[in-house]
Structures are given as C-alpha cells and as structure tokens.
C-alpha cells in the first residue's frame, strides 16, 4: 500500500512538471525542492521502465509516454475534483465555504457586497474569492462557482446569465477641457488612449479599431483611476464607471457610435446533488443583481 501511495505522489508531481515543462517552476508551485522533485521523477521513470521527459540544459520536453501520463492525470484530477464537490455539497444546511473565481472589476463592483449581504442572512457561510482575470478550467481547479464575462459560456458547465452590458468610451472633464473631445472615431488616434495592452482592439463604430496606447496596464480599476486623474481616454465596461458617469467625474465620448456588448454569467459544474448553500447563493446572487442593476443592464 505504501508503494502505491508513493507512486500516486510521484504521478501528481510529474503532472506539474509536465504542465510547466520546468523543474524549477514546478518545484516552486509545489513548495518543494528542485532536487527532491527531480529524484521523484527519476524514480517514476525507473518504475515505468521508460523515459517520460527529454531533458536538456535549456528545456524539458515530454516523451510520448509522458504525454500519455499527462492526459490521464488530467482525467484523474478532474475525477477527484468531482468527487470532492459531490461530498462537500451533499448536505442540506446553509453552512460551509463557497469558493468563487471572478474578474477583479466584478468582484469590487458587486461580488464583495453580494457576499457580505449573503453572510448577514447566513452567518455560517464562509467565502474564498479569487479576484483576477485568469479564466480557470473548473474541471481542473477547485472552485465552486466562476463569474465569466463572455458571449459564449462554456458548454460543459451550467451557465446562468446575470446581466448584459455595453462598453463605454469616456474621459475626465479636465482631460476634455485640456485636449478636447474626439468628434469621430478616427480622432482617437490624436488622443492619449489608455489600454489594457500596448495595442488593444476597441470595438467602437462599425469596424473594430486598433488603438495604440502610450500607457497600458492590465487592470481596469487602475485604468479608471488614470482616467479620473485626467491622464487619458478609456474604453471599459459601463458598469465599471456608471457611478462616475452619473455624477460627472467621467464624461461619455462618441455616444452615437455603437460599442462592444457582452454578458456576465455565473458558471458552475453540473452536480448531481447540489448543496443547499450553493443553490441558495446562486439564487441570492441572481435576485440581488436583478434588484440593483439599472434596467438597461438586466437580462
């Protein structure tokens, strides 16, 4: 039994090396030494009697046998996650922990308040939130729910639409006073545009426009802060800046041009037995959104 246990450990260690193709990065992720990791992989190769990795001074590649193990370990990990979810959610009490991954902008704008309000009604509930722009595969990562901004929700998940929204082009009054407001889409090239990447595709007007930024940052809240500081024009989801637009701290630009539309979904794996806490939170979130969104953004 001890030998089988050790082999399972080595298989899971190999899975991380195979995903990252780097002993150094895999060891850091796993929180173990590189030497220990290398020794365990050598032992695994000895047990199989086949090389699983092709090592060089600069790279690590998988042999065909290594690729087969990586594929099978993905299935094993998915099965273990499904088992864990089924056991964790097989109860009727509204108590326990809910793990959610959501975009940073949605987390700050809505999710923190939703979780606070839900906990007021259900004090035995706990939350773990991943606030990032990483699109995790829920079959391989241990989250109960994900918030996704997309036009095409994943087909292998249950997806509940929360709301639709438009993107808006805007800037601070102080920026407009100093630089003027663009009257056409083409005039955007004469302005300081702030983007998430060095070159971003802005879906505004009839054809998408490639915008080159003198300053780019991959966080919409920081983009908003820069726009409020009159440093340039931003193109972001309307719900991120709706309050600033309402009080006049930001001004909409090119309002007669059509802009990109998207939707926000609540996504979760299909469970045979969904726990009371998960079902209750899903219903609560949907109801909360319908009460707090402006009519134009509701389903």
Protein backbone atom coordinates (compact mmCIF):
# COMPACT_ATOMS: atom_id res chain seq x y z
CA UNK A 1 0.00 0.00 0.00
CA UNK A 2 2.89 2.33 0.84
CA UNK A 3 4.41 1.70 -2.58
CA UNK A 4 1.12 2.56 -4.33
CA UNK A 5 0.80 5.71 -2.23
CA UNK A 6 4.30 6.80 -3.26
CA UNK A 7 3.54 6.16 -6.92
CA UNK A 8 0.43 8.34 -6.74
CA UNK A 9 2.54 11.10 -5.22
CA UNK A 10 5.11 10.81 -8.00
CA UNK A 11 2.41 10.87 -10.66
CA UNK A 12 0.99 14.10 -9.27
CA UNK A 13 4.48 15.61 -9.06
CA UNK A 14 5.15 14.57 -12.66
CA UNK A 15 1.85 16.14 -13.72
CA UNK A 16 3.05 19.55 -12.51
CA UNK A 17 6.42 19.23 -14.27
CA UNK A 18 4.66 18.10 -17.46
CA UNK A 19 2.30 21.09 -17.37
CA UNK A 20 5.02 23.67 -16.78
CA UNK A 21 7.87 21.91 -18.63
CA UNK A 22 10.18 23.28 -15.97
CA UNK A 23 11.52 21.60 -12.82
CA UNK A 24 12.28 24.97 -11.23
CA UNK A 25 8.80 26.42 -11.77
CA UNK A 26 7.07 23.15 -10.83
CA UNK A 27 9.08 22.90 -7.60
CA UNK A 28 8.16 26.49 -6.71
CA UNK A 29 4.47 25.82 -7.38
CA UNK A 30 4.54 22.62 -5.31
CA UNK A 31 6.55 24.17 -2.48
CA UNK A 32 9.28 21.50 -2.58
CA UNK A 33 12.96 21.48 -3.51
CA UNK A 34 14.04 21.01 -7.09
CA UNK A 35 16.35 18.20 -6.03
CA UNK A 36 13.56 16.24 -4.34
CA UNK A 37 11.30 16.74 -7.35
CA UNK A 38 13.97 15.54 -9.80
CA UNK A 39 14.63 12.43 -7.71
CA UNK A 40 10.93 11.53 -7.57
CA UNK A 41 10.61 11.84 -11.36
CA UNK A 42 13.68 9.66 -11.84
CA UNK A 43 12.14 7.04 -9.57
CA UNK A 44 8.88 7.20 -11.52
CA UNK A 45 10.73 6.66 -14.80
CA UNK A 46 12.55 3.72 -13.20
CA UNK A 47 9.24 2.17 -12.12
CA UNK A 48 7.77 2.51 -15.61
CA UNK A 49 10.98 1.45 -17.27
CA UNK A 50 10.57 4.25 -19.82
CA UNK A 51 11.83 7.83 -20.08
CA UNK A 52 8.98 10.30 -19.54
CA UNK A 53 10.93 13.51 -20.11
CA UNK A 54 13.62 14.62 -22.53
CA UNK A 55 15.94 16.87 -20.55
CA UNK A 56 18.43 19.37 -21.86
CA UNK A 57 20.28 22.28 -20.28
CA UNK A 58 17.65 24.70 -21.54
CA UNK A 59 14.38 22.82 -21.83
CA UNK A 60 12.23 19.90 -20.78
CA UNK A 61 10.07 18.03 -23.29
CA UNK A 62 7.65 15.15 -22.94
CA UNK A 63 8.18 11.75 -24.48
CA UNK A 64 5.08 10.05 -25.96
CA UNK A 65 4.75 8.12 -22.69
CA UNK A 66 4.99 11.38 -20.74
CA UNK A 67 2.25 12.94 -22.87
CA UNK A 68 0.02 9.91 -22.19
CA UNK A 69 0.52 10.24 -18.42
CA UNK A 70 -0.20 13.98 -18.57
CA UNK A 71 -3.51 13.33 -20.37
CA UNK A 72 -4.51 10.56 -17.96
CA UNK A 73 -3.57 12.60 -14.89
CA UNK A 74 -5.83 15.39 -16.13
CA UNK A 75 -8.69 12.90 -16.08
CA UNK A 76 -7.70 11.68 -12.61
CA UNK A 77 -7.56 15.23 -11.24
CA UNK A 78 -10.96 16.02 -12.77
CA UNK A 79 -12.47 12.88 -11.19
CA UNK A 80 -11.03 13.76 -7.78
CA UNK A 81 -12.42 17.29 -8.00
CA UNK A 82 -15.85 15.96 -8.96
CA UNK A 83 -15.74 13.53 -6.03
CA UNK A 84 -14.71 16.29 -3.65
CA UNK A 85 -17.52 18.56 -4.87
CA UNK A 86 -20.12 15.83 -4.57
CA UNK A 87 -19.13 15.06 -0.98
CA UNK A 88 -18.66 18.70 0.02
CA UNK A 89 -22.05 19.75 -1.33
CA UNK A 90 -24.10 16.72 -0.29
CA UNK A 91 -25.92 18.38 2.61
CA UNK A 92 -29.00 20.47 3.33
CA UNK A 93 -27.54 23.08 5.69
CA UNK A 94 -26.64 26.57 4.55
CA UNK A 95 -23.18 26.46 6.09
CA UNK A 96 -19.60 25.96 4.99
CA UNK A 97 -17.26 27.53 2.47
CA UNK A 98 -18.02 28.68 -1.10
CA UNK A 99 -15.07 29.10 -3.46
CA UNK A 100 -15.54 31.67 -6.24
CA UNK A 101 -13.31 33.00 -9.02
CA UNK A 102 -14.37 36.28 -10.60
CA UNK A 103 -12.88 39.19 -12.58
CA UNK A 104 -11.43 41.93 -10.40
CA UNK A 105 -13.83 44.57 -11.72
CA UNK A 106 -16.91 42.43 -10.95
CA UNK A 107 -15.52 41.50 -7.53
CA UNK A 108 -15.03 45.10 -6.46
CA UNK A 109 -18.20 46.45 -8.08
CA UNK A 110 -20.65 43.73 -7.00
CA UNK A 111 -19.34 40.46 -5.55
CA UNK A 112 -17.93 41.76 -2.25
CA UNK A 113 -21.28 43.35 -1.44
CA UNK A 114 -23.21 40.25 -2.53
CA UNK A 115 -21.08 38.05 -0.26
CA UNK A 116 -21.48 40.48 2.65
CA UNK A 117 -25.26 40.58 2.28
CA UNK A 118 -25.49 36.80 1.94
CA UNK A 119 -23.40 36.28 5.07
CA UNK A 120 -25.68 38.60 7.03
CA UNK A 121 -28.55 36.22 6.29
CA UNK A 122 -26.40 33.08 6.63
CA UNK A 123 -23.67 33.66 9.24
CA UNK A 124 -22.31 30.10 8.98
CA UNK A 125 -21.22 30.70 5.38
CA UNK A 126 -17.57 31.41 4.54
CA UNK A 127 -16.09 32.57 1.22
CA UNK A 128 -12.81 32.17 -0.62
CA UNK A 129 -12.55 34.62 -3.54
CA UNK A 130 -10.05 34.59 -6.38
CA UNK A 131 -10.14 38.09 -7.84
CA UNK A 132 -8.26 38.03 -11.13
CA UNK A 133 -8.62 37.92 -14.90
CA UNK A 134 -7.50 34.27 -15.12
CA UNK A 135 -10.04 32.01 -16.82
CA UNK A 136 -9.71 28.85 -14.76
CA UNK A 137 -10.85 25.47 -16.03
CA UNK A 138 -13.35 24.44 -13.37
CA UNK A 139 -12.80 20.77 -14.20
CA UNK A 140 -9.18 21.16 -13.12
CA UNK A 141 -9.41 23.83 -10.39
CA UNK A 142 -11.26 23.65 -7.10
CA UNK A 143 -13.78 26.49 -7.45
CA UNK A 144 -17.49 26.03 -6.83
CA UNK A 145 -18.51 28.99 -8.99
CA UNK A 146 -17.00 31.29 -11.59
CA UNK A 147 -18.12 34.68 -12.86
CA UNK A 148 -17.40 34.98 -16.58
CA UNK A 149 -17.76 37.92 -18.97
CA UNK A 150 -18.35 36.25 -22.32
CA UNK A 151 -20.63 35.91 -25.32
CA UNK A 152 -20.16 32.13 -25.37
CA UNK A 153 -20.35 30.45 -21.93
CA UNK A 154 -18.66 27.02 -21.68
CA UNK A 155 -20.83 24.18 -22.97
CA UNK A 156 -19.64 21.69 -20.35
CA UNK A 157 -20.83 23.87 -17.45
CA UNK A 158 -24.12 25.20 -16.11
CA UNK A 159 -24.20 28.90 -17.05
CA UNK A 160 -26.75 31.38 -15.70
CA UNK A 161 -26.82 34.81 -17.32
CA UNK A 162 -26.74 37.61 -14.75
CA UNK A 163 -26.77 40.70 -16.98
CA UNK A 164 -25.70 42.22 -20.28
CA UNK A 165 -23.65 45.38 -20.64
CA UNK A 166 -22.08 47.73 -23.18
CA UNK A 167 -18.60 49.18 -23.26
CA UNK A 168 -18.25 52.95 -22.95
CA UNK A 169 -15.60 55.37 -24.14
CA UNK A 170 -15.02 58.13 -21.59
CA UNK A 171 -12.63 60.65 -20.07
CA UNK A 172 -12.48 63.14 -17.22
CA UNK A 173 -13.83 66.69 -17.75
CA UNK A 174 -10.34 68.05 -17.03
CA UNK A 175 -8.87 65.95 -19.84
CA UNK A 176 -11.57 67.13 -22.27
CA UNK A 177 -11.00 70.75 -21.24
CA UNK A 178 -7.28 70.45 -21.97
CA UNK A 179 -7.31 68.22 -25.08
CA UNK A 180 -10.83 68.49 -26.43
CA UNK A 181 -13.26 65.65 -27.12
CA UNK A 182 -12.92 63.46 -30.21
CA UNK A 183 -15.84 64.05 -32.58
CA UNK A 184 -15.07 60.99 -34.73
CA UNK A 185 -13.57 57.57 -34.07
CA UNK A 186 -10.59 58.45 -36.26
CA UNK A 187 -9.73 61.35 -33.95
CA UNK A 188 -8.98 58.89 -31.14
CA UNK A 189 -5.54 58.44 -32.72
CA UNK A 190 -4.79 62.07 -31.80
CA UNK A 191 -5.57 61.50 -28.13
CA UNK A 192 -4.00 59.80 -25.12
CA UNK A 193 -5.77 56.44 -25.03
CA UNK A 194 -5.23 54.20 -22.01
CA UNK A 195 -5.49 50.47 -22.68
CA UNK A 196 -5.01 47.07 -21.09
CA UNK A 197 -2.36 46.13 -23.66
CA UNK A 198 0.13 48.08 -25.74
CA UNK A 199 -2.23 47.64 -28.68
CA UNK A 200 -5.89 46.99 -27.97
CA UNK A 201 -8.83 46.37 -30.26
CA UNK A 202 -11.64 48.78 -29.38
CA UNK A 203 -15.00 47.62 -30.70
CA UNK A 204 -16.49 51.02 -31.34
CA UNK A 205 -18.29 52.04 -34.53
CA UNK A 206 -18.94 49.69 -37.44
CA UNK A 207 -15.41 48.24 -37.54
CA UNK A 208 -13.07 47.38 -34.63
CA UNK A 209 -10.25 49.89 -34.25
CA UNK A 210 -6.70 49.07 -33.19
CA UNK A 211 -5.66 51.58 -30.54
CA UNK A 212 -2.02 52.08 -29.59
CA UNK A 213 -1.51 53.32 -26.07
CA UNK A 214 1.27 55.43 -24.61
CA UNK A 215 0.47 53.78 -21.28
CA UNK A 216 -1.07 50.33 -20.87
CA UNK A 217 -1.94 48.42 -17.69
CA UNK A 218 -3.80 45.13 -17.30
CA UNK A 219 -6.21 46.26 -14.59
CA UNK A 220 -9.44 48.10 -15.38
CA UNK A 221 -9.66 49.72 -11.96
CA UNK A 222 -6.24 51.30 -12.46
CA UNK A 223 -7.31 52.43 -15.93
CA UNK A 224 -10.31 54.11 -14.34
CA UNK A 225 -8.09 55.77 -11.75
CA UNK A 226 -5.84 57.12 -14.51
CA UNK A 227 -8.85 58.41 -16.43
CA UNK A 228 -10.19 60.13 -13.31
CA UNK A 229 -6.77 61.76 -12.97
CA UNK A 230 -7.30 63.24 -16.47
CA UNK A 231 -4.47 61.22 -17.99
CA UNK A 232 -6.41 59.90 -20.98
CA UNK A 233 -9.40 58.18 -22.58
CA UNK A 234 -10.51 54.68 -21.59
CA UNK A 235 -12.84 52.09 -23.15
CA UNK A 236 -14.27 49.86 -20.41
CA UNK A 237 -17.45 48.03 -19.34
CA UNK A 238 -20.14 50.56 -18.47
CA UNK A 239 -20.85 49.02 -15.07
CA UNK A 240 -17.26 49.79 -14.05
CA UNK A 241 -17.76 53.55 -14.48
CA UNK A 242 -21.54 54.05 -14.23
CA UNK A 243 -21.38 55.88 -10.91
CA UNK A 244 -18.59 58.19 -12.13
CA UNK A 245 -20.58 58.92 -15.30
CA UNK A 246 -23.71 59.65 -13.27
CA UNK A 247 -22.05 62.30 -11.08
CA UNK A 248 -19.96 63.76 -13.91
CA UNK A 249 -16.49 62.69 -12.79
CA UNK A 250 -16.19 61.00 -16.19
CA UNK A 251 -17.85 62.08 -19.44
CA UNK A 252 -19.03 59.68 -22.18
CA UNK A 253 -17.47 60.17 -25.62
CA UNK A 254 -18.66 59.25 -29.12
CA UNK A 255 -22.07 58.44 -27.68
CA UNK A 256 -23.73 57.97 -31.06
CA UNK A 257 -21.37 55.17 -32.08
CA UNK A 258 -22.29 51.53 -31.36
CA UNK A 259 -19.93 49.80 -28.94
CA UNK A 260 -18.97 46.30 -27.90
CA UNK A 261 -21.57 44.31 -25.95
CA UNK A 262 -21.02 41.37 -23.64
CA UNK A 263 -22.74 39.43 -20.88
CA UNK A 264 -21.84 38.26 -17.41
CA UNK A 265 -22.59 34.66 -16.44
CA UNK A 266 -22.49 32.69 -13.23
CA UNK A 267 -20.89 29.36 -14.17
CA UNK A 268 -20.54 26.14 -12.19
CA UNK A 269 -20.01 22.41 -12.78
CA UNK A 270 -23.05 20.18 -13.08
CA UNK A 271 -23.59 18.47 -9.73
CA UNK A 272 -25.88 15.50 -9.16
CA UNK A 273 -26.57 16.75 -5.63
CA UNK A 274 -26.15 20.50 -5.27
CA UNK A 275 -25.69 21.66 -1.70
CA UNK A 276 -28.19 23.96 -0.06
CA UNK A 277 -25.53 26.63 0.43
CA UNK A 278 -24.57 26.66 -3.24
CA UNK A 279 -28.13 26.61 -4.53
CA UNK A 280 -29.11 29.32 -2.07
CA UNK A 281 -26.16 31.55 -3.03
CA UNK A 282 -26.86 31.18 -6.76
CA UNK A 283 -30.49 32.22 -6.27
CA UNK A 284 -29.48 35.06 -3.94
CA UNK A 285 -26.92 36.40 -6.43
CA UNK A 286 -29.37 36.36 -9.31
CA UNK A 287 -32.04 38.13 -7.24
CA UNK A 288 -29.53 40.67 -5.88
CA UNK A 289 -28.33 41.55 -9.39
CA UNK A 290 -31.90 41.96 -10.69
CA UNK A 291 -32.66 44.40 -7.85
CA UNK A 292 -29.51 46.51 -8.10
CA UNK A 293 -28.76 46.80 -11.82
CA UNK A 294 -30.16 49.62 -13.93
CA UNK A 295 -32.93 48.37 -16.31
CA UNK A 296 -30.66 48.68 -19.37
CA UNK A 297 -28.27 46.04 -18.00
CA UNK A 298 -30.76 43.46 -16.81
CA UNK A 299 -31.42 40.21 -18.63
